[in-house]
Protein backbone atom coordinates (compact mmCIF):
# COMPACT_ATOMS: atom_id res chain seq x y z
CA MET A 1 -0.03 -0.05 0.04
CA ARG A 2 2.82 2.46 0.90
CA ALA A 3 4.44 1.82 -2.55
CA VAL A 4 1.38 2.81 -4.28
CA ALA A 5 1.21 5.97 -2.43
CA VAL A 6 4.78 6.75 -3.20
CA ILE A 7 4.18 6.04 -7.02
CA GLY A 8 0.90 8.24 -6.88
CA LEU A 9 2.96 11.09 -5.38
CA ILE A 10 5.73 10.64 -8.14
CA LEU A 11 2.97 10.71 -10.79
CA LEU A 12 1.35 13.61 -9.26
CA GLY A 13 4.71 15.55 -9.29
CA PHE A 14 5.22 14.84 -13.00
CA GLY A 15 1.84 16.27 -13.57
CA CYS A 16 2.79 19.61 -11.93
CA THR A 17 5.88 20.17 -14.00
CA LYS A 18 5.67 22.38 -17.19
CA ALA A 19 6.71 20.88 -20.47
CA PRO A 20 9.82 22.53 -21.91
CA VAL A 21 9.22 25.32 -24.23
CA ASP A 22 10.67 24.80 -27.80
CA HIS A 23 12.44 28.08 -29.00
CA ASN A 24 12.86 26.72 -32.50
CA HIS A 25 10.23 26.80 -35.03
CA GLN A 26 10.37 25.45 -38.65
CA VAL A 27 8.45 26.64 -41.76
CA ALA A 28 8.33 24.47 -44.77
CA MET A 29 8.56 25.84 -48.26
CA GLN A 30 6.45 23.54 -50.36
CA ASP A 31 4.16 23.71 -53.46
CA PHE A 32 4.32 27.50 -53.68
CA ARG A 33 3.45 28.26 -50.12
CA PHE A 34 4.89 28.40 -46.66
CA ALA A 35 3.48 26.04 -44.16
CA PRO A 36 2.47 27.50 -41.71
CA ASP A 37 1.95 30.78 -43.47
CA SER A 38 1.23 32.49 -39.99
CA LEU A 39 3.49 31.74 -36.82
CA GLU A 40 3.61 33.12 -33.27
CA VAL A 41 6.96 33.10 -31.51
CA ALA A 42 8.44 34.58 -28.51
CA VAL A 43 11.11 37.24 -28.76
CA GLY A 44 14.42 35.55 -29.00
CA ASP A 45 13.00 32.35 -30.85
CA THR A 46 14.59 31.05 -34.01
CA VAL A 47 12.59 30.33 -37.07
CA THR A 48 14.12 28.08 -39.72
CA TRP A 49 12.59 27.93 -43.30
CA VAL A 50 13.41 24.57 -45.05
CA ASN A 51 12.76 24.17 -48.79
CA GLN A 52 10.90 20.85 -49.00
CA GLY A 53 9.80 21.24 -52.61
CA ALA A 54 11.53 20.72 -55.93
CA SER A 55 11.31 24.48 -56.87
CA GLN A 56 13.81 27.05 -55.74
CA HIS A 57 12.45 29.63 -53.17
CA THR A 58 13.42 32.54 -50.91
CA THR A 59 12.33 34.05 -47.75
CA THR A 60 12.53 37.55 -47.87
CA SER A 61 11.24 40.09 -45.22
CA GLY A 62 8.85 42.74 -46.29
CA GLN A 63 5.71 42.91 -48.59
CA VAL A 64 5.67 41.17 -52.11
CA GLY A 65 7.91 43.31 -54.28
CA ALA A 66 9.02 45.63 -51.45
CA PRO A 67 11.64 43.96 -49.27
CA ASP A 68 12.30 45.81 -46.05
CA GLY A 69 16.03 44.58 -45.55
CA LYS A 70 15.61 42.69 -42.24
CA TRP A 71 16.48 39.30 -43.92
CA ASP A 72 16.88 37.73 -47.14
CA SER A 73 17.77 33.93 -47.48
CA GLY A 74 18.84 34.33 -51.00
CA VAL A 75 17.86 31.43 -53.48
CA LEU A 76 17.29 28.05 -51.63
CA SER A 77 17.26 24.91 -53.69
CA SER A 78 15.46 21.80 -52.48
CA GLY A 79 16.75 20.79 -48.96
CA GLY A 80 18.15 24.32 -48.40
CA SER A 81 17.45 26.12 -45.13
CA PHE A 82 17.68 29.55 -43.59
CA MET A 83 17.43 30.78 -39.96
CA TYR A 84 16.45 33.93 -38.41
CA VAL A 85 16.30 35.08 -34.75
CA PHE A 86 13.56 37.39 -33.85
CA THR A 87 15.03 39.97 -31.43
CA ALA A 88 12.20 42.40 -31.16
CA ALA A 89 8.42 42.22 -30.84
CA GLY A 90 6.27 42.91 -33.84
CA ASN A 91 4.76 41.47 -37.04
CA TYR A 92 7.14 40.37 -39.56
CA HIS A 93 5.81 40.02 -43.10
CA TYR A 94 7.69 37.91 -45.72
CA TYR A 95 7.44 36.47 -49.20
CA CYS A 96 9.20 34.38 -51.82
CA GLN A 97 10.78 36.76 -54.32
CA ILE A 98 10.57 34.11 -56.99
CA HIS A 99 6.88 33.15 -56.24
CA GLY A 100 5.47 36.39 -54.65
CA SER A 101 3.16 36.98 -57.54
CA MET A 102 1.68 33.50 -56.76
CA ASP A 103 0.90 34.77 -53.24
CA MET A 104 3.53 32.89 -51.47
CA LYS A 105 3.70 34.89 -48.38
CA GLY A 106 3.64 34.55 -44.71
CA VAL A 107 3.83 36.38 -41.34
CA VAL A 108 5.67 35.87 -38.02
CA SER A 109 4.36 37.60 -34.92
CA ALA A 110 7.01 37.82 -32.35
CA LYS A 111 5.69 38.60 -28.78
């Protein structure tokens, strides 16, 4: 009986702990879209864009046709990736320079 009580207390303790927070996020570039195309992160988090498609893509900060200079991955071939750390709160719009006319765009909200 005592062992059951100890096990119960141990399990209760596990239920009270918080799961670790992942500060790394991934956005897939596939089929002329970003997945997800909207992402919320904490200030200090890293987002990695990974080209999972056959076409080349970019992740470029700003609005389609109007880069704002915060980041530009350059052209990423299939399997290529690019990382960016969000150091300030705000909404960060981005797009693919190659496929922006196809509405390939997204936004990261850093809080």
